[in-house]
Amino acid sequence: MMLQIDGSPHDWLEGRGPRLTLIGAKDDATSFVWARFEKAETTWGYLDLMREIFLSSGLPLSLYSDRHTIFHSPKEATIVEQINRIRPLTQFGRAMEALGITITKAWSAPAKGRIENQWKTFQDRLVVELRLARVKTKEEANQFLKGFLEDYNRRFTVPARKQEPVFRQSPPPSELDHILCLKETRTVNKDHTISFEGLVLQIPPGKKYWSIARQKAEVLQLRNGSVEIVYKNQTVARFNPEAIKRLVEKNNNGTSQLEIAA
């Protein structure tokens, strides 16, 4: 029913390569572990981890996390949000809510002790295995990790007390990509452009909507580096990764973060 999620920054490569963070999830019932190496704990890192879990195992009912701002927004709810009982959400929280997954906050390290102990075990065992395999890069570490986890889970997972699975079926990959993304709301300018991350994105003429000037639209940054503008659940503009790269390179004021996000 529930996965514990967390990250462990550590010198996993013992100086042979960059310092990495192992982010992962542990099934609370069976102790099955999913994990991947990242440069640091980031929203994209956890979204990528969730995509791997969802497509291989399905959607859990809930996640149990620490108070990291990737999972829980530090913003106070506005008066309007309080009246409508709306909680400020992070990008990760918004994506999980769209999939019907609850995120429960752990208020202390002992409260999520099982996954904390998991990291201690890996810092002992996995570090040695990486050393023996002479792993030096993040890419090599993730490739090695696949076989390590397969063996680890085969040896140490346990049967759940109740065997009936409650994971739900994941949406197809294309639909999932439009949920596990970064999403912002912007107002369309009078000339049918949207200002976003230092760029000016032009919305082409459409047959369905003659004008959406001054209207709210959503801007989606997808994992492959592309950007889509959505108005009333309809995509009104698409920019492929190459187009975004050209716009970022053309932008001279250095304010765009899209190249990093991609």
Protein backbone atom coordinates (compact mmCIF):
# COMPACT_ATOMS: atom_id res chain seq x y z
CA MET A 1 0.00 0.00 0.00
CA MET A 2 2.79 2.43 0.89
CA LEU A 3 6.31 3.20 -0.29
CA GLN A 4 8.90 4.98 1.84
CA ILE A 5 10.97 7.40 -0.27
CA ASP A 6 14.22 9.13 0.59
CA GLY A 7 17.66 10.12 -0.66
CA SER A 8 21.16 9.33 0.61
CA PRO A 9 24.00 11.71 -0.35
CA HIS A 10 27.26 9.83 0.13
CA ASP A 11 30.70 9.31 -1.39
CA TRP A 12 29.44 6.15 -3.08
CA LEU A 13 32.40 6.00 -5.49
CA GLU A 14 35.00 6.69 -2.78
CA GLY A 15 36.66 9.47 -4.73
CA ARG A 16 36.90 7.55 -8.02
CA GLY A 17 34.16 9.74 -9.48
CA PRO A 18 31.66 12.45 -8.52
CA ARG A 19 29.84 12.47 -5.21
CA LEU A 20 26.36 11.04 -5.84
CA THR A 21 23.00 10.77 -4.13
CA LEU A 22 21.14 7.47 -4.09
CA ILE A 23 17.40 8.16 -4.21
CA GLY A 24 15.01 5.31 -3.70
CA ALA A 25 11.76 3.81 -2.52
CA LYS A 26 11.09 0.84 -0.27
CA ASP A 27 7.86 -1.14 -0.20
CA ASP A 28 6.65 -0.97 3.38
CA ALA A 29 5.07 -4.43 3.19
CA THR A 30 7.67 -6.48 1.32
CA SER A 31 10.90 -4.43 1.71
CA PHE A 32 11.34 -4.45 -2.10
CA VAL A 33 13.71 -1.61 -3.07
CA TRP A 34 13.86 0.62 -6.15
CA ALA A 35 16.75 3.09 -6.45
CA ARG A 36 18.83 5.18 -8.84
CA PHE A 37 21.93 7.37 -8.57
CA GLU A 38 21.55 11.11 -9.19
CA LYS A 39 23.87 14.09 -8.79
CA ALA A 40 21.58 15.38 -6.02
CA GLU A 41 18.02 15.15 -4.75
CA THR A 42 15.93 16.92 -7.41
CA THR A 43 12.32 16.96 -8.52
CA TRP A 44 13.28 15.39 -11.87
CA GLY A 45 15.21 12.65 -10.10
CA TYR A 46 12.22 11.61 -8.02
CA LEU A 47 9.83 11.91 -10.98
CA ASP A 48 12.11 9.60 -12.97
CA LEU A 49 12.17 7.13 -10.06
CA MET A 50 8.37 7.20 -9.82
CA ARG A 51 8.01 6.63 -13.56
CA GLU A 52 10.19 3.53 -13.30
CA ILE A 53 8.12 2.21 -10.37
CA PHE A 54 4.73 3.02 -11.92
CA LEU A 55 5.49 1.36 -15.26
CA SER A 56 7.03 -1.75 -13.69
CA SER A 57 4.75 -2.25 -10.66
CA GLY A 58 1.80 0.16 -10.83
CA LEU A 59 0.60 3.03 -8.64
CA PRO A 60 0.86 2.71 -4.84
CA LEU A 61 -1.78 4.24 -2.59
CA SER A 62 0.64 6.44 -0.67
CA LEU A 63 4.21 7.62 -0.18
CA TYR A 64 5.96 8.27 3.14
CA SER A 65 8.63 10.97 2.99
CA ASP A 66 10.63 13.39 5.07
CA ARG A 67 9.89 17.13 5.08
CA HIS A 68 12.03 17.93 2.04
CA THR A 69 10.61 20.80 -0.02
CA ILE A 70 10.59 18.53 -3.09
CA PHE A 71 7.67 16.69 -1.45
CA HIS A 72 6.01 19.33 0.73
CA SER A 73 5.60 23.00 -0.15
CA PRO A 74 6.88 25.48 2.48
CA LYS A 75 4.39 28.08 1.22
CA GLU A 76 1.52 29.13 3.43
CA ALA A 77 -1.94 28.75 1.90
CA THR A 78 -3.54 32.01 0.76
CA ILE A 79 -6.91 33.05 2.16
CA VAL A 80 -8.59 31.91 -1.06
CA GLU A 81 -6.82 28.54 -0.83
CA GLN A 82 -7.83 28.19 2.82
CA ILE A 83 -11.48 28.91 2.00
CA ASN A 84 -11.40 26.33 -0.80
CA ARG A 85 -9.36 23.89 1.30
CA ILE A 86 -6.56 23.85 -1.25
CA ARG A 87 -3.05 22.96 -0.08
CA PRO A 88 -0.01 24.55 -1.75
CA LEU A 89 1.71 21.78 -3.67
CA THR A 90 5.20 21.24 -5.03
CA GLN A 91 5.65 20.00 -8.60
CA PHE A 92 6.14 16.48 -7.23
CA GLY A 93 3.12 16.80 -4.95
CA ARG A 94 0.94 18.06 -7.80
CA ALA A 95 1.93 15.08 -9.97
CA MET A 96 1.22 12.57 -7.18
CA GLU A 97 -2.16 14.17 -6.42
CA ALA A 98 -3.10 13.88 -10.10
CA LEU A 99 -2.42 10.13 -9.83
CA GLY A 100 -4.37 9.74 -6.58
CA ILE A 101 -1.27 9.08 -4.46
CA THR A 102 -1.16 10.54 -0.94
CA ILE A 103 2.13 11.82 0.50
CA THR A 104 2.44 11.45 4.27
CA LYS A 105 5.02 13.54 6.10
CA ALA A 106 7.44 11.97 8.59
CA TRP A 107 8.23 14.35 11.43
CA SER A 108 11.44 12.67 12.60
CA ALA A 109 14.24 10.43 11.32
CA PRO A 110 13.14 7.46 13.50
CA ALA A 111 9.68 7.68 11.91
CA LYS A 112 11.21 6.64 8.58
CA GLY A 113 13.82 4.41 10.17
CA ARG A 114 13.32 1.49 7.80
CA ILE A 115 14.57 3.34 4.75
CA GLU A 116 17.24 5.13 6.79
CA ASN A 117 18.56 1.73 7.85
CA GLN A 118 18.39 0.63 4.22
CA TRP A 119 20.82 3.38 3.27
CA LYS A 120 23.19 2.34 6.06
CA THR A 121 23.16 -1.21 4.70
CA PHE A 122 23.84 -0.01 1.16
CA GLN A 123 26.62 2.34 2.36
CA ASP A 124 28.27 -0.76 3.77
CA ARG A 125 27.57 -3.36 1.04
CA LEU A 126 26.97 -1.41 -2.15
CA VAL A 127 30.06 0.78 -1.74
CA VAL A 128 32.25 -2.33 -1.63
CA GLU A 129 30.53 -3.84 -4.68
CA LEU A 130 31.01 -0.60 -6.64
CA ARG A 131 34.68 -0.58 -5.67
CA LEU A 132 35.23 -4.17 -6.78
CA ALA A 133 33.51 -3.40 -10.09
CA ARG A 134 35.73 -0.31 -10.49
CA VAL A 135 32.74 1.93 -11.16
CA LYS A 136 33.78 5.55 -11.77
CA THR A 137 30.78 7.41 -13.25
CA LYS A 138 27.09 7.96 -12.51
CA GLU A 139 26.13 6.10 -15.67
CA GLU A 140 28.26 3.10 -14.73
CA ALA A 141 26.88 3.20 -11.19
CA ASN A 142 23.27 3.08 -12.39
CA GLN A 143 24.04 0.26 -14.79
CA PHE A 144 25.68 -1.74 -11.99
CA LEU A 145 22.84 -0.90 -9.60
CA LYS A 146 20.30 -2.74 -11.77
CA GLY A 147 21.97 -6.10 -11.23
CA PHE A 148 22.73 -5.37 -7.59
CA LEU A 149 19.08 -4.58 -6.79
CA GLU A 150 17.81 -7.57 -8.71
CA ASP A 151 19.98 -9.86 -6.55
CA TYR A 152 19.28 -7.91 -3.35
CA ASN A 153 15.50 -7.99 -3.80
CA ARG A 154 15.55 -11.67 -4.70
CA ARG A 155 17.36 -12.46 -1.46
CA PHE A 156 15.79 -10.07 1.03
CA THR A 157 12.19 -9.24 0.08
CA VAL A 158 9.54 -10.91 2.24
CA PRO A 159 5.93 -11.93 1.54
CA ALA A 160 3.35 -9.31 2.48
CA ARG A 161 1.04 -10.13 5.37
CA LYS A 162 -1.88 -9.67 3.01
CA GLN A 163 -1.07 -11.02 -0.44
CA GLU A 164 -3.78 -9.24 -2.42
CA PRO A 165 -2.05 -6.42 -4.35
CA VAL A 166 -3.48 -2.92 -4.07
CA PHE A 167 -1.21 -1.21 -6.58
CA ARG A 168 -3.30 0.30 -9.37
CA GLN A 169 -2.53 0.11 -13.06
CA SER A 170 -0.40 2.96 -14.34
CA PRO A 171 -1.54 5.24 -17.18
CA PRO A 172 0.24 4.53 -20.50
CA PRO A 173 3.73 6.09 -20.87
CA SER A 174 2.59 8.99 -23.08
CA GLU A 175 -0.09 10.03 -20.59
CA LEU A 176 2.24 9.50 -17.65
CA ASP A 177 4.83 11.82 -19.25
CA HIS A 178 2.27 14.66 -19.19
CA ILE A 179 1.70 14.12 -15.46
CA LEU A 180 5.29 13.52 -14.34
CA CYS A 181 6.44 16.88 -15.66
CA LEU A 182 6.95 20.45 -14.50
CA LYS A 183 3.79 22.50 -14.91
CA GLU A 184 3.26 26.26 -14.51
CA THR A 185 0.29 28.57 -15.13
CA ARG A 186 0.83 31.68 -17.24
CA THR A 187 -1.37 34.44 -18.72
CA VAL A 188 -1.43 34.69 -22.52
CA ASN A 189 -0.32 38.11 -23.75
CA LYS A 190 -2.33 40.20 -26.21
CA ASP A 191 -0.04 39.11 -29.07
CA HIS A 192 -0.67 35.43 -28.25
CA THR A 193 2.72 34.90 -26.64
CA ILE A 194 3.61 33.56 -23.22
CA SER A 195 6.60 34.71 -21.21
CA PHE A 196 8.24 31.71 -19.58
CA GLU A 197 11.67 31.22 -17.99
CA GLY A 198 13.10 34.23 -19.82
CA LEU A 199 11.72 33.11 -23.19
CA VAL A 200 8.84 34.38 -25.31
CA LEU A 201 6.80 31.47 -26.68
CA GLN A 202 4.47 32.18 -29.61
CA ILE A 203 1.10 30.41 -29.76
CA PRO A 204 0.12 29.81 -33.41
CA PRO A 205 -3.40 30.58 -34.70
CA GLY A 206 -5.92 27.84 -33.95
CA LYS A 207 -9.25 26.83 -35.47
CA LYS A 208 -11.02 26.13 -32.18
CA TYR A 209 -10.02 29.30 -30.28
CA TRP A 210 -9.87 32.50 -32.29
CA SER A 211 -8.25 34.33 -29.38
CA ILE A 212 -7.10 33.27 -25.92
CA ALA A 213 -5.42 36.57 -25.07
CA ARG A 214 -5.54 37.38 -21.33
CA GLN A 215 -6.55 33.79 -20.57
CA LYS A 216 -4.74 31.40 -18.24
CA ALA A 217 -2.83 28.56 -19.88
CA GLU A 218 -0.57 25.83 -18.54
CA VAL A 219 3.01 25.44 -19.67
CA LEU A 220 4.40 21.90 -19.41
CA GLN A 221 8.11 21.08 -19.38
CA LEU A 222 8.38 17.44 -20.39
CA ARG A 223 11.27 15.19 -19.45
CA ASN A 224 12.59 15.00 -23.01
CA GLY A 225 13.17 18.77 -23.04
CA SER A 226 10.10 19.73 -25.05
CA VAL A 227 7.53 22.32 -23.93
CA GLU A 228 3.78 22.31 -24.48
CA ILE A 229 1.19 25.02 -23.88
CA VAL A 230 -2.24 23.70 -22.86
CA TYR A 231 -5.50 25.67 -22.77
CA LYS A 232 -8.70 24.00 -21.54
CA ASN A 233 -7.10 20.55 -21.80
CA GLN A 234 -6.11 21.15 -25.42
CA THR A 235 -2.51 21.57 -26.56
CA VAL A 236 -2.32 24.87 -28.45
CA ALA A 237 1.46 24.97 -29.00
CA ARG A 238 4.36 22.49 -28.99
CA PHE A 239 8.08 23.22 -28.98
CA ASN A 240 10.40 20.27 -29.56
CA PRO A 241 13.71 19.99 -27.64
CA GLU A 242 15.70 21.38 -30.59
CA ALA A 243 13.47 24.47 -30.83
CA ILE A 244 13.75 25.07 -27.09
CA LYS A 245 17.53 24.70 -27.27
CA ARG A 246 17.69 27.31 -30.06
CA LEU A 247 15.52 29.70 -28.07
CA VAL A 248 17.63 29.25 -24.95
CA GLU A 249 20.84 29.85 -26.90
CA LYS A 250 19.31 32.92 -28.55
CA ASN A 251 18.25 34.28 -25.18
CA ASN A 252 21.10 36.47 -24.01
CA ASN A 253 20.02 37.60 -20.56
CA GLY A 254 20.83 34.27 -18.89
CA THR A 255 17.48 33.98 -17.08
CA SER A 256 16.16 30.85 -18.79
CA GLN A 257 16.29 27.62 -16.81
CA LEU A 258 14.83 25.45 -19.55
CA GLU A 259 18.17 24.13 -20.72
CA ILE A 260 18.83 22.84 -17.20
CA ALA A 261 15.33 21.42 -16.87
CA ALA A 262 15.71 19.53 -20.12
